[in-house]
Amino acid sequence: MTDHRYPTVVLLGMPHALSRSMAHALLQAWEQGASKDSQSAWQCLAPQASEAWPQEALVYVLGQDWRDSDPADPAITQQISAWREQLGAQRQPYVMLYGKPSAQWLQLAESLKSIAPGADWNWISAQNPWKPSARMRLKGCEQCDDPECEQALFAQLKKAS
C-alpha cells in the first residue's frame, strides 16, 4: 500500500556529496521520526547531473551560499544554472534552497509543510543534523580579519588595561 501523503523529494546540489549527504540525513531522520505506518512510502533522491528522476517528484536545488562561492571554480555555479535551465525547459517546478546546510534543511522543512500540509513533516525540524551545537561560537569581531576592526579591538584593549 502506497501512502501518497509523502511526495518523492529530489535534491539537486553541487558538489554531489552535499545533496547526497542531505538526502541520506533526511532518510535517516524520517526513519527515526516519521509515523511508523508510512515508513515504506517516502523517497528522497539525490541524482547525479546525468541521472533522471521521477517526473512527479518535488525538486529542490541546493543553491550555493554566497560566502562559500569560489570565483576560481565556476563548476558549481554552472551546474546549478544548468539544472535551472533544464527544469525551466521541462516546465518542472522547483524550489531553490540557499544558505548553509542547516538553513537549507529548515527551508526544506517549511516548504514541504506548505506544499504537502496533509503529511506530518515535524520530524524534519526536530532532526536537523546541521543544527549548530551550543558549544560552537559564532564568528566574532576578533575573527573578522578586517584591519580597521582589529585596530579598534586593540584600542579598546589598551583603554581597558
C-alpha atoms as a PDB file:
ATOM      1  CA  MET A   1       0.000   0.000   0.000  1.00  0.00           C
ATOM      2  CA  THR A   2       1.427   3.378  -1.009  1.00  0.00           C
ATOM      3  CA  ASP A   3       0.941   6.446   1.138  1.00  0.00           C
ATOM      4  CA  HIS A   4       0.550   9.415  -1.229  1.00  0.00           C
ATOM      5  CA  ARG A   5       0.757  11.986   1.554  1.00  0.00           C
ATOM      6  CA  TYR A   6       4.572  11.958   1.345  1.00  0.00           C
ATOM      7  CA  PRO A   7       5.711  13.067  -2.116  1.00  0.00           C
ATOM      8  CA  THR A   8       9.071  11.966  -3.502  1.00  0.00           C
ATOM      9  CA  VAL A   9      11.724  14.621  -2.944  1.00  0.00           C
ATOM     10  CA  VAL A  10      14.657  15.208  -5.299  1.00  0.00           C
ATOM     11  CA  LEU A  11      17.673  17.200  -4.110  1.00  0.00           C
ATOM     12  CA  LEU A  12      19.972  18.641  -6.770  1.00  0.00           C
ATOM     13  CA  GLY A  13      23.204  20.004  -5.407  1.00  0.00           C
ATOM     14  CA  MET A  14      26.788  20.604  -6.313  1.00  0.00           C
ATOM     15  CA  PRO A  15      29.075  19.146  -5.186  1.00  0.00           C
ATOM     16  CA  HIS A  16      27.015  15.978  -5.403  1.00  0.00           C
ATOM     17  CA  ALA A  17      28.253  14.889  -1.972  1.00  0.00           C
ATOM     18  CA  LEU A  18      26.249  17.745  -0.426  1.00  0.00           C
ATOM     19  CA  SER A  19      22.907  16.684  -1.912  1.00  0.00           C
ATOM     20  CA  ARG A  20      23.691  13.024  -1.290  1.00  0.00           C
ATOM     21  CA  SER A  21      24.523  13.640   2.377  1.00  0.00           C
ATOM     22  CA  MET A  22      21.397  15.749   2.853  1.00  0.00           C
ATOM     23  CA  ALA A  23      19.223  13.073   1.225  1.00  0.00           C
ATOM     24  CA  HIS A  24      20.821  10.420   3.421  1.00  0.00           C
ATOM     25  CA  ALA A  25      20.285  12.545   6.558  1.00  0.00           C
ATOM     26  CA  LEU A  26      16.656  13.163   5.579  1.00  0.00           C
ATOM     27  CA  LEU A  27      16.025   9.455   5.103  1.00  0.00           C
ATOM     28  CA  GLN A  28      17.622   8.672   8.470  1.00  0.00           C
ATOM     29  CA  ALA A  29      15.607  11.396  10.184  1.00  0.00           C
ATOM     30  CA  TRP A  30      12.453  10.093   8.544  1.00  0.00           C
ATOM     31  CA  GLU A  31      13.134   6.532   9.678  1.00  0.00           C
ATOM     32  CA  GLN A  32      13.677   7.753  13.242  1.00  0.00           C
ATOM     33  CA  GLY A  33      10.894  10.311  13.458  1.00  0.00           C
ATOM     34  CA  ALA A  34       8.085   9.657  10.979  1.00  0.00           C
ATOM     35  CA  SER A  35       4.978   7.737  11.933  1.00  0.00           C
ATOM     36  CA  LYS A  36       5.580   4.002  11.531  1.00  0.00           C
ATOM     37  CA  ASP A  37       2.526   3.376   9.331  1.00  0.00           C
ATOM     38  CA  SER A  38       4.061   5.346   6.453  1.00  0.00           C
ATOM     39  CA  GLN A  39       7.663   4.104   6.619  1.00  0.00           C
ATOM     40  CA  SER A  40       7.742   2.471   3.180  1.00  0.00           C
ATOM     41  CA  ALA A  41       6.099   5.300   1.274  1.00  0.00           C
ATOM     42  CA  TRP A  42       8.676   8.087   1.143  1.00  0.00           C
ATOM     43  CA  GLN A  43      11.669   8.568  -1.150  1.00  0.00           C
ATOM     44  CA  CYS A  44      14.345  11.234  -1.086  1.00  0.00           C
ATOM     45  CA  LEU A  45      16.727  11.110  -4.046  1.00  0.00           C
ATOM     46  CA  ALA A  46      19.950  12.919  -4.904  1.00  0.00           C
ATOM     47  CA  PRO A  47      20.601  12.130  -8.567  1.00  0.00           C
ATOM     48  CA  GLN A  48      23.875  12.922 -10.316  1.00  0.00           C
ATOM     49  CA  ALA A  49      23.790  15.609 -13.007  1.00  0.00           C
ATOM     50  CA  SER A  50      23.317  12.975 -15.734  1.00  0.00           C
ATOM     51  CA  GLU A  51      20.653  10.883 -13.933  1.00  0.00           C
ATOM     52  CA  ALA A  52      16.907  11.170 -14.364  1.00  0.00           C
ATOM     53  CA  TRP A  53      14.398  11.469 -11.524  1.00  0.00           C
ATOM     54  CA  PRO A  54      10.648  10.812 -11.210  1.00  0.00           C
ATOM     55  CA  GLN A  55       8.639  13.470 -13.051  1.00  0.00           C
ATOM     56  CA  GLU A  56       6.120  13.842 -10.202  1.00  0.00           C
ATOM     57  CA  ALA A  57       8.818  14.494  -7.590  1.00  0.00           C
ATOM     58  CA  LEU A  58       9.195  17.736  -5.689  1.00  0.00           C
ATOM     59  CA  VAL A  59      12.507  19.187  -6.843  1.00  0.00           C
ATOM     60  CA  TYR A  60      14.798  21.240  -4.646  1.00  0.00           C
ATOM     61  CA  VAL A  61      18.020  22.838  -5.868  1.00  0.00           C
ATOM     62  CA  LEU A  62      20.634  23.452  -3.198  1.00  0.00           C
ATOM     63  CA  GLY A  63      21.967  26.885  -4.044  1.00  0.00           C
ATOM     64  CA  GLN A  64      25.461  27.922  -3.146  1.00  0.00           C
ATOM     65  CA  ASP A  65      25.941  30.193  -0.166  1.00  0.00           C
ATOM     66  CA  TRP A  66      27.474  33.430  -1.473  1.00  0.00           C
ATOM     67  CA  ARG A  67      30.065  33.351   1.320  1.00  0.00           C
ATOM     68  CA  ASP A  68      31.298  29.974   0.078  1.00  0.00           C
ATOM     69  CA  SER A  69      31.393  30.761  -3.633  1.00  0.00           C
ATOM     70  CA  ASP A  70      34.793  30.487  -5.261  1.00  0.00           C
ATOM     71  CA  PRO A  71      35.174  32.594  -8.422  1.00  0.00           C
ATOM     72  CA  ALA A  72      38.153  30.421  -9.410  1.00  0.00           C
ATOM     73  CA  ASP A  73      35.891  27.334  -9.547  1.00  0.00           C
ATOM     74  CA  PRO A  74      32.788  28.179 -11.604  1.00  0.00           C
ATOM     75  CA  ALA A  75      31.709  24.498 -11.961  1.00  0.00           C
ATOM     76  CA  ILE A  76      29.238  24.712  -9.078  1.00  0.00           C
ATOM     77  CA  THR A  77      27.531  27.828 -10.401  1.00  0.00           C
ATOM     78  CA  GLN A  78      27.474  26.399 -13.938  1.00  0.00           C
ATOM     79  CA  GLN A  79      25.849  23.138 -12.789  1.00  0.00           C
ATOM     80  CA  ILE A  80      23.209  24.946 -10.734  1.00  0.00           C
ATOM     81  CA  SER A  81      22.454  27.170 -13.750  1.00  0.00           C
ATOM     82  CA  ALA A  82      22.237  24.089 -15.993  1.00  0.00           C
ATOM     83  CA  TRP A  83      19.717  22.461 -13.650  1.00  0.00           C
ATOM     84  CA  ARG A  84      17.649  25.626 -13.521  1.00  0.00           C
ATOM     85  CA  GLU A  85      17.622  25.825 -17.334  1.00  0.00           C
ATOM     86  CA  GLN A  86      16.714  22.130 -17.608  1.00  0.00           C
ATOM     87  CA  LEU A  87      13.896  22.457 -15.070  1.00  0.00           C
ATOM     88  CA  GLY A  88      12.611  25.573 -16.831  1.00  0.00           C
ATOM     89  CA  ALA A  89      12.665  23.870 -20.234  1.00  0.00           C
ATOM     90  CA  GLN A  90      10.768  20.893 -18.789  1.00  0.00           C
ATOM     91  CA  ARG A  91       8.343  23.235 -17.022  1.00  0.00           C
ATOM     92  CA  GLN A  92       9.201  21.387 -13.828  1.00  0.00           C
ATOM     93  CA  PRO A  93       8.522  23.476 -10.744  1.00  0.00           C
ATOM     94  CA  TYR A  94      11.365  23.621  -8.246  1.00  0.00           C
ATOM     95  CA  VAL A  95      12.408  25.424  -5.101  1.00  0.00           C
ATOM     96  CA  MET A  96      15.818  26.982  -4.526  1.00  0.00           C
ATOM     97  CA  LEU A  97      17.301  26.485  -1.054  1.00  0.00           C
ATOM     98  CA  TYR A  98      20.028  28.923  -0.039  1.00  0.00           C
ATOM     99  CA  GLY A  99      22.435  29.300   2.834  1.00  0.00           C
ATOM    100  CA  LYS A 100      24.394  26.769   4.825  1.00  0.00           C
ATOM    101  CA  PRO A 101      23.048  23.184   5.037  1.00  0.00           C
ATOM    102  CA  SER A 102      21.339  23.910   8.390  1.00  0.00           C
ATOM    103  CA  ALA A 103      19.391  26.776   6.807  1.00  0.00           C
ATOM    104  CA  GLN A 104      18.611  24.725   3.694  1.00  0.00           C
ATOM    105  CA  TRP A 105      17.286  21.932   5.923  1.00  0.00           C
ATOM    106  CA  LEU A 106      14.910  24.352   7.668  1.00  0.00           C
ATOM    107  CA  GLN A 107      13.814  25.912   4.356  1.00  0.00           C
ATOM    108  CA  LEU A 108      13.098  22.427   3.002  1.00  0.00           C
ATOM    109  CA  ALA A 109      11.033  21.581   6.077  1.00  0.00           C
ATOM    110  CA  GLU A 110       8.947  24.756   5.748  1.00  0.00           C
ATOM    111  CA  SER A 111       8.488  24.223   2.012  1.00  0.00           C
ATOM    112  CA  LEU A 112       7.328  20.626   2.442  1.00  0.00           C
ATOM    113  CA  LYS A 113       4.923  21.670   5.191  1.00  0.00           C
ATOM    114  CA  SER A 114       3.348  24.236   2.842  1.00  0.00           C
ATOM    115  CA  ILE A 115       3.302  22.042  -0.294  1.00  0.00           C
ATOM    116  CA  ALA A 116       2.007  18.863   1.362  1.00  0.00           C
ATOM    117  CA  PRO A 117       0.238  20.062   4.515  1.00  0.00           C
ATOM    118  CA  GLY A 118      -1.615  16.746   4.958  1.00  0.00           C
ATOM    119  CA  ALA A 119       1.614  14.957   5.860  1.00  0.00           C
ATOM    120  CA  ASP A 120       3.388  15.150   9.196  1.00  0.00           C
ATOM    121  CA  TRP A 121       6.730  16.861   8.484  1.00  0.00           C
ATOM    122  CA  ASN A 122       7.532  17.776  12.085  1.00  0.00           C
ATOM    123  CA  TRP A 123      10.246  15.108  12.191  1.00  0.00           C
ATOM    124  CA  ILE A 124      12.362  17.184   9.786  1.00  0.00           C
ATOM    125  CA  SER A 125      12.537  20.207  12.083  1.00  0.00           C
ATOM    126  CA  ALA A 126      13.257  18.017  15.105  1.00  0.00           C
ATOM    127  CA  GLN A 127      16.089  16.068  13.424  1.00  0.00           C
ATOM    128  CA  ASN A 128      18.288  18.740  11.748  1.00  0.00           C
ATOM    129  CA  PRO A 129      21.793  17.199  11.802  1.00  0.00           C
ATOM    130  CA  TRP A 130      23.397  20.509  10.809  1.00  0.00           C
ATOM    131  CA  LYS A 131      21.949  22.394  13.771  1.00  0.00           C
ATOM    132  CA  PRO A 132      24.854  24.252  15.370  1.00  0.00           C
ATOM    133  CA  SER A 133      25.812  22.896  18.750  1.00  0.00           C
ATOM    134  CA  ALA A 134      25.594  25.087  21.804  1.00  0.00           C
ATOM    135  CA  ARG A 135      29.385  24.864  22.128  1.00  0.00           C
ATOM    136  CA  MET A 136      30.005  26.418  18.707  1.00  0.00           C
ATOM    137  CA  ARG A 137      30.625  30.150  18.812  1.00  0.00           C
ATOM    138  CA  LEU A 138      29.537  32.426  16.055  1.00  0.00           C
ATOM    139  CA  LYS A 139      32.235  34.396  14.300  1.00  0.00           C
ATOM    140  CA  GLY A 140      33.111  37.353  16.474  1.00  0.00           C
ATOM    141  CA  CYS A 141      34.809  40.685  15.953  1.00  0.00           C
ATOM    142  CA  GLU A 142      38.196  39.229  16.824  1.00  0.00           C
ATOM    143  CA  GLN A 143      37.873  36.752  13.924  1.00  0.00           C
ATOM    144  CA  CYS A 144      36.695  39.009  11.109  1.00  0.00           C
ATOM    145  CA  ASP A 145      40.120  39.751   9.516  1.00  0.00           C
ATOM    146  CA  ASP A 146      39.206  43.410   8.956  1.00  0.00           C
ATOM    147  CA  PRO A 147      42.285  45.563   9.765  1.00  0.00           C
ATOM    148  CA  GLU A 148      40.178  48.525  10.936  1.00  0.00           C
ATOM    149  CA  CYS A 149      38.139  46.259  13.187  1.00  0.00           C
ATOM    150  CA  GLU A 150      41.345  44.742  14.527  1.00  0.00           C
ATOM    151  CA  GLN A 151      42.812  48.180  15.310  1.00  0.00           C
ATOM    152  CA  ALA A 152      39.608  49.197  17.085  1.00  0.00           C
ATOM    153  CA  LEU A 153      39.731  45.985  19.128  1.00  0.00           C
ATOM    154  CA  PHE A 154      43.343  46.665  20.182  1.00  0.00           C
ATOM    155  CA  ALA A 155      42.475  50.273  21.036  1.00  0.00           C
ATOM    156  CA  GLN A 156      39.670  49.048  23.281  1.00  0.00           C
ATOM    157  CA  LEU A 157      42.018  46.557  24.939  1.00  0.00           C
ATOM    158  CA  LYS A 158      44.562  49.330  25.637  1.00  0.00           C
ATOM    159  CA  LYS A 159      41.889  51.518  27.227  1.00  0.00           C
ATOM    160  CA  ALA A 160      40.701  48.633  29.394  1.00  0.00           C
ATOM    161  CA  SER A 161      44.178  47.947  30.847  1.00  0.00           C
END
